[in-house]
PDB file of N, CA and C in Angstrom:
ATOM      1  N   MET A   1     102.696 218.857 192.068  1.00  0.00           N
ATOM      2  CA  MET A   1     104.004 218.296 192.329  1.00  0.00           C
ATOM      3  C   MET A   1     104.880 218.448 191.103  1.00  0.00           C
ATOM      4  N   GLY A   2     106.138 218.648 191.323  1.00  0.00           N
ATOM      5  CA  GLY A   2     107.086 218.799 190.234  1.00  0.00           C
ATOM      6  C   GLY A   2     107.775 217.514 189.829  1.00  0.00           C
ATOM      7  N   LEU A   3     107.431 216.389 190.461  1.00  0.00           N
ATOM      8  CA  LEU A   3     108.126 215.135 190.170  1.00  0.00           C
ATOM      9  C   LEU A   3     107.856 214.612 188.772  1.00  0.00           C
ATOM     10  N   ASN A   4     106.686 214.875 188.236  1.00  0.00           N
ATOM     11  CA  ASN A   4     106.327 214.360 186.918  1.00  0.00           C
ATOM     12  C   ASN A   4     106.387 215.422 185.825  1.00  0.00           C
ATOM     13  N   ARG A   5     106.981 216.540 186.125  1.00  0.00           N
ATOM     14  CA  ARG A   5     107.062 217.617 185.148  1.00  0.00           C
ATOM     15  C   ARG A   5     107.844 217.156 183.917  1.00  0.00           C
ATOM     16  N   GLY A   6     107.288 217.372 182.738  1.00  0.00           N
ATOM     17  CA  GLY A   6     107.952 217.030 181.489  1.00  0.00           C
ATOM     18  C   GLY A   6     107.851 215.555 181.107  1.00  0.00           C
ATOM     19  N   LYS A   7     107.140 214.774 181.891  1.00  0.00           N
ATOM     20  CA  LYS A   7     106.999 213.352 181.577  1.00  0.00           C
ATOM     21  C   LYS A   7     105.650 213.115 180.908  1.00  0.00           C
ATOM     22  N   ARG A   8     105.617 212.150 179.999  1.00  0.00           N
ATOM     23  CA  ARG A   8     104.365 211.755 179.373  1.00  0.00           C
ATOM     24  C   ARG A   8     103.628 210.806 180.302  1.00  0.00           C
ATOM     25  N   SER A   9     102.320 210.848 180.291  1.00  0.00           N
ATOM     26  CA  SER A   9     101.551 209.931 181.119  1.00  0.00           C
ATOM     27  C   SER A   9     100.263 209.560 180.405  1.00  0.00           C
ATOM     28  N   LEU A  10      99.680 208.471 180.854  1.00  0.00           N
ATOM     29  CA  LEU A  10      98.423 207.987 180.324  1.00  0.00           C
ATOM     30  C   LEU A  10      97.508 207.759 181.507  1.00  0.00           C
ATOM     31  N   VAL A  11      96.305 208.277 181.430  1.00  0.00           N
ATOM     32  CA  VAL A  11      95.343 208.129 182.512  1.00  0.00           C
ATOM     33  C   VAL A  11      94.194 207.268 182.017  1.00  0.00           C
ATOM     34  N   LEU A  12      93.874 206.227 182.792  1.00  0.00           N
ATOM     35  CA  LEU A  12      92.759 205.348 182.453  1.00  0.00           C
ATOM     36  C   LEU A  12      91.665 205.499 183.493  1.00  0.00           C
ATOM     37  N   ASP A  13      90.435 205.491 183.042  1.00  0.00           N
ATOM     38  CA  ASP A  13      89.301 205.509 183.961  1.00  0.00           C
ATOM     39  C   ASP A  13      88.920 204.062 184.234  1.00  0.00           C
ATOM     40  N   LEU A  14      89.468 203.473 185.299  1.00  0.00           N
ATOM     41  CA  LEU A  14      89.246 202.062 185.592  1.00  0.00           C
ATOM     42  C   LEU A  14      87.805 201.767 185.996  1.00  0.00           C
ATOM     43  N   LYS A  15      87.072 202.776 186.385  1.00  0.00           N
ATOM     44  CA  LYS A  15      85.666 202.561 186.721  1.00  0.00           C
ATOM     45  C   LYS A  15      84.852 202.269 185.465  1.00  0.00           C
ATOM     46  N   GLN A  16      85.330 202.711 184.317  1.00  0.00           N
ATOM     47  CA  GLN A  16      84.621 202.510 183.057  1.00  0.00           C
ATOM     48  C   GLN A  16      85.219 201.375 182.225  1.00  0.00           C
ATOM     49  N   ALA A  17      86.375 200.832 182.635  1.00  0.00           N
ATOM     50  CA  ALA A  17      87.051 199.800 181.839  1.00  0.00           C
ATOM     51  C   ALA A  17      86.317 198.474 181.933  1.00  0.00           C
ATOM     52  N   ALA A  18      85.984 197.906 180.779  1.00  0.00           N
ATOM     53  CA  ALA A  18      85.315 196.603 180.760  1.00  0.00           C
ATOM     54  C   ALA A  18      86.332 195.484 180.927  1.00  0.00           C
ATOM     55  N   ALA A  19      87.484 195.645 180.338  1.00  0.00           N
ATOM     56  CA  ALA A  19      88.550 194.641 180.431  1.00  0.00           C
ATOM     57  C   ALA A  19      89.876 195.329 180.160  1.00  0.00           C
ATOM     58  N   ALA A  20      90.920 194.736 180.626  1.00  0.00           N
ATOM     59  CA  ALA A  20      92.248 195.290 180.403  1.00  0.00           C
ATOM     60  C   ALA A  20      93.172 194.178 179.944  1.00  0.00           C
ATOM     61  N   ASP A  21      94.033 194.461 178.963  1.00  0.00           N
ATOM     62  CA  ASP A  21      95.018 193.478 178.520  1.00  0.00           C
ATOM     63  C   ASP A  21      96.226 193.480 179.442  1.00  0.00           C
ATOM     64  N   VAL A  22      96.587 194.637 179.944  1.00  0.00           N
ATOM     65  CA  VAL A  22      97.727 194.770 180.857  1.00  0.00           C
ATOM     66  C   VAL A  22      97.298 195.694 181.977  1.00  0.00           C
ATOM     67  N   PHE A  23      97.613 195.311 183.206  1.00  0.00           N
ATOM     68  CA  PHE A  23      97.226 196.143 184.337  1.00  0.00           C
ATOM     69  C   PHE A  23      98.322 196.097 185.391  1.00  0.00           C
ATOM     70  N   VAL A  24      99.002 197.201 185.576  1.00  0.00           N
ATOM     71  CA  VAL A  24     100.049 197.324 186.587  1.00  0.00           C
ATOM     72  C   VAL A  24      99.598 198.424 187.534  1.00  0.00           C
ATOM     73  N   HIS A  25      99.697 198.169 188.828  1.00  0.00           N
ATOM     74  CA  HIS A  25      99.203 199.168 189.772  1.00  0.00           C
ATOM     75  C   HIS A  25     100.073 199.223 191.013  1.00  0.00           C
ATOM     76  N   SER A  26      99.855 200.266 191.771  1.00  0.00           N
ATOM     77  CA  SER A  26     100.508 200.405 193.078  1.00  0.00           C
ATOM     78  C   SER A  26      99.477 200.878 194.103  1.00  0.00           C
ATOM     79  N   MET A  27      98.244 200.431 193.937  1.00  0.00           N
ATOM     80  CA  MET A  27      97.156 200.844 194.826  1.00  0.00           C
ATOM     81  C   MET A  27      96.953 199.847 195.955  1.00  0.00           C
ATOM     82  N   ARG A  28      96.308 200.299 197.005  1.00  0.00           N
ATOM     83  CA  ARG A  28      95.976 199.415 198.126  1.00  0.00           C
ATOM     84  C   ARG A  28      94.971 198.358 197.678  1.00  0.00           C
ATOM     85  N   PRO A  29      95.028 197.150 198.284  1.00  0.00           N
ATOM     86  CA  PRO A  29      94.096 196.084 197.891  1.00  0.00           C
ATOM     87  C   PRO A  29      92.626 196.492 197.964  1.00  0.00           C
ATOM     88  N   GLN A  30      92.251 197.308 198.966  1.00  0.00           N
ATOM     89  CA  GLN A  30      90.857 197.716 199.103  1.00  0.00           C
ATOM     90  C   GLN A  30      90.401 198.532 197.889  1.00  0.00           C
ATOM     91  N   LYS A  31      91.279 199.380 197.379  1.00  0.00           N
ATOM     92  CA  LYS A  31      90.924 200.200 196.225  1.00  0.00           C
ATOM     93  C   LYS A  31      90.816 199.331 194.971  1.00  0.00           C
ATOM     94  N   ILE A  32      91.713 198.382 194.826  1.00  0.00           N
ATOM     95  CA  ILE A  32      91.666 197.475 193.682  1.00  0.00           C
ATOM     96  C   ILE A  32      90.352 196.695 193.678  1.00  0.00           C
ATOM     97  N   GLU A  33      89.920 196.227 194.857  1.00  0.00           N
ATOM     98  CA  GLU A  33      88.646 195.501 194.966  1.00  0.00           C
ATOM     99  C   GLU A  33      87.487 196.392 194.535  1.00  0.00           C
ATOM    100  N   ARG A  34      87.474 197.644 195.008  1.00  0.00           N
ATOM    101  CA  ARG A  34      86.387 198.567 194.657  1.00  0.00           C
ATOM    102  C   ARG A  34      86.330 198.823 193.153  1.00  0.00           C
ATOM    103  N   LEU A  35      87.496 198.822 192.484  1.00  0.00           N
ATOM    104  CA  LEU A  35      87.546 199.070 191.046  1.00  0.00           C
ATOM    105  C   LEU A  35      87.209 197.828 190.222  1.00  0.00           C
ATOM    106  N   GLY A  36      87.090 196.676 190.891  1.00  0.00           N
ATOM    107  CA  GLY A  36      86.740 195.458 190.182  1.00  0.00           C
ATOM    108  C   GLY A  36      87.923 194.682 189.648  1.00  0.00           C
ATOM    109  N   PHE A  37      89.112 194.915 190.202  1.00  0.00           N
ATOM    110  CA  PHE A  37      90.304 194.210 189.751  1.00  0.00           C
ATOM    111  C   PHE A  37      90.937 193.398 190.873  1.00  0.00           C
ATOM    112  N   GLY A  38      90.138 192.956 191.832  1.00  0.00           N
ATOM    113  CA  GLY A  38      90.643 192.173 192.962  1.00  0.00           C
ATOM    114  C   GLY A  38      90.895 190.725 192.584  1.00  0.00           C
ATOM    115  N   HIS A  39      91.239 189.931 193.579  1.00  0.00           N
ATOM    116  CA  HIS A  39      91.600 188.531 193.358  1.00  0.00           C
ATOM    117  C   HIS A  39      90.488 187.752 192.653  1.00  0.00           C
ATOM    118  N   GLN A  40      89.255 187.906 193.123  1.00  0.00           N
ATOM    119  CA  GLN A  40      88.137 187.173 192.510  1.00  0.00           C
ATOM    120  C   GLN A  40      87.945 187.577 191.047  1.00  0.00           C
ATOM    121  N   ALA A  41      88.127 188.854 190.758  1.00  0.00           N
ATOM    122  CA  ALA A  41      87.929 189.338 189.389  1.00  0.00           C
ATOM    123  C   ALA A  41      88.991 188.790 188.444  1.00  0.00           C
ATOM    124  N   VAL A  42      90.264 188.797 188.877  1.00  0.00           N
ATOM    125  CA  VAL A  42      91.306 188.281 187.981  1.00  0.00           C
ATOM    126  C   VAL A  42      91.197 186.768 187.830  1.00  0.00           C
ATOM    127  N   CYS A  43      90.727 186.088 188.870  1.00  0.00           N
ATOM    128  CA  CYS A  43      90.486 184.634 188.746  1.00  0.00           C
ATOM    129  C   CYS A  43      89.396 184.376 187.710  1.00  0.00           C
ATOM    130  N   ALA A  44      88.336 185.161 187.756  1.00  0.00           N
ATOM    131  CA  ALA A  44      87.231 184.994 186.811  1.00  0.00           C
ATOM    132  C   ALA A  44      87.663 185.282 185.377  1.00  0.00           C
ATOM    133  N   ARG A  45      88.667 186.131 185.206  1.00  0.00           N
ATOM    134  CA  ARG A  45      89.168 186.458 183.863  1.00  0.00           C
ATOM    135  C   ARG A  45      90.181 185.436 183.358  1.00  0.00           C
ATOM    136  N   GLY A  46      90.474 184.416 184.151  1.00  0.00           N
ATOM    137  CA  GLY A  46      91.412 183.385 183.712  1.00  0.00           C
ATOM    138  C   GLY A  46      92.864 183.779 183.851  1.00  0.00           C
ATOM    139  N   PHE A  47      93.170 184.663 184.802  1.00  0.00           N
ATOM    140  CA  PHE A  47      94.549 185.113 184.976  1.00  0.00           C
ATOM    141  C   PHE A  47      95.440 184.008 185.545  1.00  0.00           C
ATOM    142  N   PHE A  48      94.875 183.121 186.354  1.00  0.00           N
ATOM    143  CA  PHE A  48      95.644 182.041 186.962  1.00  0.00           C
ATOM    144  C   PHE A  48      95.357 180.730 186.251  1.00  0.00           C
ATOM    145  N   ARG A  49      96.326 179.842 186.300  1.00  0.00           N
ATOM    146  CA  ARG A  49      96.191 178.551 185.657  1.00  0.00           C
ATOM    147  C   ARG A  49      96.703 177.464 186.593  1.00  0.00           C
ATOM    148  N   ARG A  50      96.102 176.300 186.523  1.00  0.00           N
ATOM    149  CA  ARG A  50      96.546 175.157 187.322  1.00  0.00           C
ATOM    150  C   ARG A  50      97.361 174.222 186.436  1.00  0.00           C
ATOM    151  N   ALA A  51      98.358 173.592 187.046  1.00  0.00           N
ATOM    152  CA  ALA A  51      99.174 172.615 186.329  1.00  0.00           C
ATOM    153  C   ALA A  51      99.742 171.631 187.331  1.00  0.00           C
ATOM    154  N   THR A  52     100.240 170.520 186.821  1.00  0.00           N
ATOM    155  CA  THR A  52     100.882 169.531 187.672  1.00  0.00           C
ATOM    156  C   THR A  52     102.387 169.669 187.504  1.00  0.00           C
ATOM    157  N   HIS A  53     103.048 170.039 188.578  1.00  0.00           N
ATOM    158  CA  HIS A  53     104.496 170.202 188.587  1.00  0.00           C
ATOM    159  C   HIS A  53     105.130 168.860 188.905  1.00  0.00           C
ATOM    160  N   THR A  54     106.286 168.577 188.306  1.00  0.00           N
ATOM    161  CA  THR A  54     106.913 167.269 188.472  1.00  0.00           C
ATOM    162  C   THR A  54     107.292 166.952 189.914  1.00  0.00           C
ATOM    163  N   SER A  55     107.651 167.963 190.706  1.00  0.00           N
ATOM    164  CA  SER A  55     108.036 167.678 192.094  1.00  0.00           C
ATOM    165  C   SER A  55     107.101 168.313 193.126  1.00  0.00           C
ATOM    166  N   LYS A  56     106.324 169.309 192.744  1.00  0.00           N
ATOM    167  CA  LYS A  56     105.453 170.014 193.693  1.00  0.00           C
ATOM    168  C   LYS A  56     103.995 169.589 193.618  1.00  0.00           C
ATOM    169  N   GLY A  57     103.648 168.779 192.618  1.00  0.00           N
ATOM    170  CA  GLY A  57     102.254 168.360 192.466  1.00  0.00           C
ATOM    171  C   GLY A  57     101.413 169.454 191.829  1.00  0.00           C
ATOM    172  N   GLU A  58     100.157 169.557 192.226  1.00  0.00           N
ATOM    173  CA  GLU A  58      99.228 170.557 191.683  1.00  0.00           C
ATOM    174  C   GLU A  58      99.631 171.950 192.146  1.00  0.00           C
ATOM    175  N   ILE A  59      99.828 172.867 191.189  1.00  0.00           N
ATOM    176  CA  ILE A  59     100.188 174.243 191.531  1.00  0.00           C
ATOM    177  C   ILE A  59      99.273 175.219 190.802  1.00  0.00           C
ATOM    178  N   LEU A  60      99.165 176.415 191.335  1.00  0.00           N
ATOM    179  CA  LEU A  60      98.415 177.515 190.734  1.00  0.00           C
ATOM    180  C   LEU A  60      99.422 178.605 190.433  1.00  0.00           C
ATOM    181  N   PHE A  61      99.445 179.099 189.205  1.00  0.00           N
ATOM    182  CA  PHE A  61     100.410 180.127 188.839  1.00  0.00           C
ATOM    183  C   PHE A  61      99.786 181.138 187.882  1.00  0.00           C
ATOM    184  N   ALA A  62     100.423 182.299 187.788  1.00  0.00           N
ATOM    185  CA  ALA A  62      99.931 183.351 186.894  1.00  0.00           C
ATOM    186  C   ALA A  62     100.214 182.949 185.455  1.00  0.00           C
ATOM    187  N   ASP A  63      99.191 183.017 184.617  1.00  0.00           N
ATOM    188  CA  ASP A  63      99.341 182.705 183.205  1.00  0.00           C
ATOM    189  C   ASP A  63      99.967 183.911 182.501  1.00  0.00           C
ATOM    190  N   GLN A  64      99.977 183.895 181.183  1.00  0.00           N
ATOM    191  CA  GLN A  64     100.554 184.998 180.426  1.00  0.00           C
ATOM    192  C   GLN A  64      99.912 186.319 180.848  1.00  0.00           C
ATOM    193  N   PRO A  65     100.701 187.323 181.249  1.00  0.00           N
ATOM    194  CA  PRO A  65     100.117 188.575 181.718  1.00  0.00           C
ATOM    195  C   PRO A  65      99.560 189.445 180.595  1.00  0.00           C
ATOM    196  N   VAL A  66      99.988 189.208 179.361  1.00  0.00           N
ATOM    197  CA  VAL A  66      99.537 190.013 178.228  1.00  0.00           C
ATOM    198  C   VAL A  66      98.856 189.088 177.231  1.00  0.00           C
ATOM    199  N   ARG A  67      97.685 189.474 176.804  1.00  0.00           N
ATOM    200  CA  ARG A  67      96.960 188.697 175.803  1.00  0.00           C
ATOM    201  C   ARG A  67      96.581 189.633 174.662  1.00  0.00           C
ATOM    202  N   PHE A  68      96.705 189.141 173.444  1.00  0.00           N
ATOM    203  CA  PHE A  68      96.372 189.934 172.275  1.00  0.00           C
ATOM    204  C   PHE A  68      95.159 189.323 171.592  1.00  0.00           C
ATOM    205  N   GLY A  69      94.006 189.924 171.810  1.00  0.00           N
ATOM    206  CA  GLY A  69      92.783 189.446 171.192  1.00  0.00           C
ATOM    207  C   GLY A  69      92.447 188.030 171.622  1.00  0.00           C
ATOM    208  N   ASP A  70      92.078 187.208 170.658  1.00  0.00           N
ATOM    209  CA  ASP A  70      91.684 185.835 170.931  1.00  0.00           C
ATOM    210  C   ASP A  70      92.788 184.848 170.563  1.00  0.00           C
ATOM    211  N   SER A  71      94.052 185.262 170.713  1.00  0.00           N
ATOM    212  CA  SER A  71      95.167 184.409 170.300  1.00  0.00           C
ATOM    213  C   SER A  71      95.258 183.129 171.114  1.00  0.00           C
ATOM    214  N   GLY A  72      94.757 183.143 172.347  1.00  0.00           N
ATOM    215  CA  GLY A  72      94.789 181.948 173.167  1.00  0.00           C
ATOM    216  C   GLY A  72      96.185 181.526 173.571  1.00  0.00           C
ATOM    217  N   ALA A  73      97.128 182.434 173.581  1.00  0.00           N
ATOM    218  CA  ALA A  73      98.503 182.102 173.950  1.00  0.00           C
ATOM    219  C   ALA A  73      98.548 181.608 175.387  1.00  0.00           C
ATOM    220  N   ALA A  74      99.310 180.575 175.605  1.00  0.00           N
ATOM    221  CA  ALA A  74      99.475 180.017 176.945  1.00  0.00           C
ATOM    222  C   ALA A  74     100.857 179.398 177.051  1.00  0.00           C
ATOM    223  N   ASN A  75     101.321 179.260 178.272  1.00  0.00           N
ATOM    224  CA  ASN A  75     102.597 178.590 178.484  1.00  0.00           C
ATOM    225  C   ASN A  75     102.455 177.138 178.068  1.00  0.00           C
ATOM    226  N   ALA A  76     103.325 176.686 177.186  1.00  0.00           N
ATOM    227  CA  ALA A  76     103.271 175.292 176.750  1.00  0.00           C
ATOM    228  C   ALA A  76     103.800 174.372 177.842  1.00  0.00           C
ATOM    229  N   ARG A  77     104.714 174.874 178.658  1.00  0.00           N
ATOM    230  CA  ARG A  77     105.252 174.064 179.743  1.00  0.00           C
ATOM    231  C   ARG A  77     105.664 174.968 180.897  1.00  0.00           C
ATOM    232  N   LEU A  78     105.852 174.365 182.031  1.00  0.00           N
ATOM    233  CA  LEU A  78     106.219 175.125 183.223  1.00  0.00           C
ATOM    234  C   LEU A  78     107.680 175.533 183.175  1.00  0.00           C
ATOM    235  N   GLN A  79     108.046 176.473 184.026  1.00  0.00           N
ATOM    236  CA  GLN A  79     109.425 176.904 184.118  1.00  0.00           C
ATOM    237  C   GLN A  79     110.290 175.725 184.565  1.00  0.00           C
ATOM    238  N   PRO A  80     111.532 175.640 184.079  1.00  0.00           N
ATOM    239  CA  PRO A  80     112.369 174.502 184.432  1.00  0.00           C
ATOM    240  C   PRO A  80     112.823 174.548 185.888  1.00  0.00           C
ATOM    241  N   ARG A  81     113.069 173.368 186.432  1.00  0.00           N
ATOM    242  CA  ARG A  81     113.638 173.291 187.775  1.00  0.00           C
ATOM    243  C   ARG A  81     115.127 173.582 187.690  1.00  0.00           C
ATOM    244  N   LEU A  82     115.722 173.942 188.797  1.00  0.00           N
ATOM    245  CA  LEU A  82     117.147 174.244 188.840  1.00  0.00           C
ATOM    246  C   LEU A  82     117.946 173.049 188.333  1.00  0.00           C
ATOM    247  N   GLY A  83     118.736 173.263 187.300  1.00  0.00           N
ATOM    248  CA  GLY A  83     119.583 172.212 186.755  1.00  0.00           C
ATOM    249  C   GLY A  83     118.894 171.274 185.788  1.00  0.00           C
ATOM    250  N   GLU A  84     117.628 171.484 185.516  1.00  0.00           N
ATOM    251  CA  GLU A  84     116.878 170.543 184.691  1.00  0.00           C
ATOM    252  C   GLU A  84     117.463 170.363 183.293  1.00  0.00           C
ATOM    253  N   HIS A  85     117.998 171.422 182.715  1.00  0.00           N
ATOM    254  CA  HIS A  85     118.509 171.352 181.345  1.00  0.00           C
ATOM    255  C   HIS A  85     120.023 171.508 181.255  1.00  0.00           C
ATOM    256  N   SER A  86     120.717 171.475 182.383  1.00  0.00           N
ATOM    257  CA  SER A  86     122.164 171.722 182.388  1.00  0.00           C
ATOM    258  C   SER A  86     122.928 170.787 181.463  1.00  0.00           C
ATOM    259  N   ILE A  87     122.675 169.499 181.586  1.00  0.00           N
ATOM    260  CA  ILE A  87     123.428 168.528 180.792  1.00  0.00           C
ATOM    261  C   ILE A  87     123.120 168.692 179.302  1.00  0.00           C
ATOM    262  N   GLU A  88     121.873 168.890 178.977  1.00  0.00           N
ATOM    263  CA  GLU A  88     121.479 169.103 177.579  1.00  0.00           C
ATOM    264  C   GLU A  88     122.207 170.312 176.986  1.00  0.00           C
ATOM    265  N   ILE A  89     122.266 171.394 177.755  1.00  0.00           N
ATOM    266  CA  ILE A  89     122.932 172.616 177.274  1.00  0.00           C
ATOM    267  C   ILE A  89     124.430 172.397 177.129  1.00  0.00           C
ATOM    268  N   LEU A  90     125.039 171.711 178.094  1.00  0.00           N
ATOM    269  CA  LEU A  90     126.474 171.435 177.999  1.00  0.00           C
ATOM    270  C   LEU A  90     126.788 170.559 176.791  1.00  0.00           C
ATOM    271  N   ARG A  91     125.958 169.577 176.508  1.00  0.00           N
ATOM    272  CA  ARG A  91     126.157 168.730 175.324  1.00  0.00           C
ATOM    273  C   ARG A  91     126.055 169.553 174.046  1.00  0.00           C
ATOM    274  N   GLU A  92     125.054 170.429 173.983  1.00  0.00           N
ATOM    275  CA  GLU A  92     124.899 171.288 172.799  1.00  0.00           C
ATOM    276  C   GLU A  92     126.088 172.223 172.627  1.00  0.00           C
ATOM    277  N   ALA A  93     126.727 172.575 173.753  1.00  0.00           N
ATOM    278  CA  ALA A  93     127.903 173.460 173.697  1.00  0.00           C
ATOM    279  C   ALA A  93     129.170 172.692 173.336  1.00  0.00           C
ATOM    280  N   GLY A  94     129.058 171.360 173.178  1.00  0.00           N
ATOM    281  CA  GLY A  94     130.210 170.566 172.770  1.00  0.00           C
ATOM    282  C   GLY A  94     131.065 170.044 173.915  1.00  0.00           C
ATOM    283  N   ILE A  95     130.562 170.109 175.142  1.00  0.00           N
ATOM    284  CA  ILE A  95     131.303 169.596 176.294  1.00  0.00           C
ATOM    285  C   ILE A  95     131.237 168.063 176.259  1.00  0.00           C
ATOM    286  N   SER A  96     132.360 167.423 176.500  1.00  0.00           N
ATOM    287  CA  SER A  96     132.420 165.954 176.442  1.00  0.00           C
ATOM    288  C   SER A  96     131.656 165.324 177.604  1.00  0.00           C
ATOM    289  N   GLU A  97     131.262 164.064 177.410  1.00  0.00           N
ATOM    290  CA  GLU A  97     130.548 163.326 178.464  1.00  0.00           C
ATOM    291  C   GLU A  97     131.427 163.191 179.709  1.00  0.00           C
ATOM    292  N   ALA A  98     132.723 162.980 179.515  1.00  0.00           N
ATOM    293  CA  ALA A  98     133.643 162.846 180.657  1.00  0.00           C
ATOM    294  C   ALA A  98     133.696 164.146 181.454  1.00  0.00           C
ATOM    295  N   ALA A  99     133.715 165.274 180.750  1.00  0.00           N
ATOM    296  CA  ALA A  99     133.757 166.572 181.438  1.00  0.00           C
ATOM    297  C   ALA A  99     132.439 166.829 182.170  1.00  0.00           C
ATOM    298  N   ILE A 100     131.336 166.438 181.566  1.00  0.00           N
ATOM    299  CA  ILE A 100     130.026 166.609 182.211  1.00  0.00           C
ATOM    300  C   ILE A 100     129.955 165.752 183.475  1.00  0.00           C
ATOM    301  N   GLU A 101     130.417 164.500 183.388  1.00  0.00           N
ATOM    302  CA  GLU A 101     130.429 163.623 184.566  1.00  0.00           C
ATOM    303  C   GLU A 101     131.309 164.201 185.672  1.00  0.00           C
ATOM    304  N   ALA A 102     132.433 164.805 185.292  1.00  0.00           N
ATOM    305  CA  ALA A 102     133.322 165.428 186.287  1.00  0.00           C
ATOM    306  C   ALA A 102     132.627 166.611 186.962  1.00  0.00           C
ATOM    307  N   LEU A 103     131.891 167.395 186.187  1.00  0.00           N
ATOM    308  CA  LEU A 103     131.148 168.527 186.755  1.00  0.00           C
ATOM    309  C   LEU A 103     130.064 168.041 187.710  1.00  0.00           C
ATOM    310  N   LEU A 104     129.380 166.963 187.332  1.00  0.00           N
ATOM    311  CA  LEU A 104     128.357 166.387 188.204  1.00  0.00           C
ATOM    312  C   LEU A 104     128.983 165.856 189.499  1.00  0.00           C
ATOM    313  N   ALA A 105     130.088 165.149 189.362  1.00  0.00           N
ATOM    314  CA  ALA A 105     130.748 164.563 190.527  1.00  0.00           C
ATOM    315  C   ALA A 105     131.271 165.636 191.488  1.00  0.00           C
ATOM    316  N   SER A 106     131.711 166.750 190.941  1.00  0.00           N
ATOM    317  CA  SER A 106     132.250 167.822 191.792  1.00  0.00           C
ATOM    318  C   SER A 106     131.151 168.662 192.440  1.00  0.00           C
ATOM    319  N   GLY A 107     129.918 168.540 191.940  1.00  0.00           N
ATOM    320  CA  GLY A 107     128.818 169.336 192.477  1.00  0.00           C
ATOM    321  C   GLY A 107     128.674 170.688 191.799  1.00  0.00           C
ATOM    322  N   ALA A 108     129.469 170.935 190.761  1.00  0.00           N
ATOM    323  CA  ALA A 108     129.395 172.217 190.042  1.00  0.00           C
ATOM    324  C   ALA A 108     128.052 172.358 189.328  1.00  0.00           C
ATOM    325  N   ILE A 109     127.518 171.250 188.856  1.00  0.00           N
ATOM    326  CA  ILE A 109     126.175 171.226 188.276  1.00  0.00           C
ATOM    327  C   ILE A 109     125.416 170.086 188.923  1.00  0.00           C
ATOM    328  N   ALA A 110     124.125 170.135 188.835  1.00  0.00           N
ATOM    329  CA  ALA A 110     123.297 169.073 189.406  1.00  0.00           C
ATOM    330  C   ALA A 110     122.088 168.864 188.525  1.00  0.00           C
ATOM    331  N   GLN A 111     121.549 167.686 188.595  1.00  0.00           N
ATOM    332  CA  GLN A 111     120.308 167.369 187.917  1.00  0.00           C
ATOM    333  C   GLN A 111     119.274 167.069 188.968  1.00  0.00           C
ATOM    334  N   PRO A 112     118.054 167.562 188.817  1.00  0.00           N
ATOM    335  CA  PRO A 112     117.013 167.299 189.820  1.00  0.00           C
ATOM    336  C   PRO A 112     116.806 165.812 190.094  1.00  0.00           C
ATOM    337  N   GLU A 113     116.836 164.965 189.050  1.00  0.00           N
ATOM    338  CA  GLU A 113     116.635 163.530 189.245  1.00  0.00           C
ATOM    339  C   GLU A 113     117.724 162.944 190.139  1.00  0.00           C
ATOM    340  N   ARG A 114     118.973 163.329 189.921  1.00  0.00           N
ATOM    341  CA  ARG A 114     120.075 162.812 190.703  1.00  0.00           C
ATOM    342  C   ARG A 114     119.998 163.278 192.143  1.00  0.00           C
ATOM    343  N   LYS A 115     119.547 164.534 192.353  1.00  0.00           N
ATOM    344  CA  LYS A 115     119.387 165.048 193.720  1.00  0.00           C
ATOM    345  C   LYS A 115     118.340 164.233 194.457  1.00  0.00           C
ATOM    346  N   ALA A 116     117.233 163.927 193.770  1.00  0.00           N
ATOM    347  CA  ALA A 116     116.151 163.166 194.412  1.00  0.00           C
ATOM    348  C   ALA A 116     116.621 161.760 194.767  1.00  0.00           C
ATOM    349  N   GLN A 117     117.388 161.135 193.863  1.00  0.00           N
ATOM    350  CA  GLN A 117     117.897 159.794 194.127  1.00  0.00           C
ATOM    351  C   GLN A 117     118.886 159.800 195.286  1.00  0.00           C
ATOM    352  N   ALA A 118     119.737 160.829 195.364  1.00  0.00           N
ATOM    353  CA  ALA A 118     120.720 160.913 196.440  1.00  0.00           C
ATOM    354  C   ALA A 118     120.051 161.113 197.786  1.00  0.00           C
ATOM    355  N   ALA A 119     118.896 161.789 197.803  1.00  0.00           N
ATOM    356  CA  ALA A 119     118.198 162.055 199.050  1.00  0.00           C
ATOM    357  C   ALA A 119     117.491 160.814 199.592  1.00  0.00           C
ATOM    358  N   GLU A 120     117.219 159.850 198.715  1.00  0.00           N
ATOM    359  CA  GLU A 120     116.465 158.658 199.137  1.00  0.00           C
ATOM    360  C   GLU A 120     117.304 157.691 199.924  1.00  0.00           C
TER     361      GLU A 120
END
């Protein structure tokens, strides 16, 4: 095929790979399982992590996709909810409390806590 002409490429023998730091693929699930990189294998390697989310409870999510040696890098906290840090950021930007309250009242910004209280 001429589609890859002049491009650099790297070929890995996944049948011989003991472990991988980064693995991106476009193969069918059956082939991934045969190569030893299926769901059970990535779970055994610690690819997923459990945490308690403030509104969703116990969740399972993908941990850091890249690991360098034994650094033990991990997410210190979960991704923020929509609007979770809006007021903090506006304050740091020098927006007055009155302007922030006006934005909240108009619905231009929202805080998760206020949404939950309004729904009750």
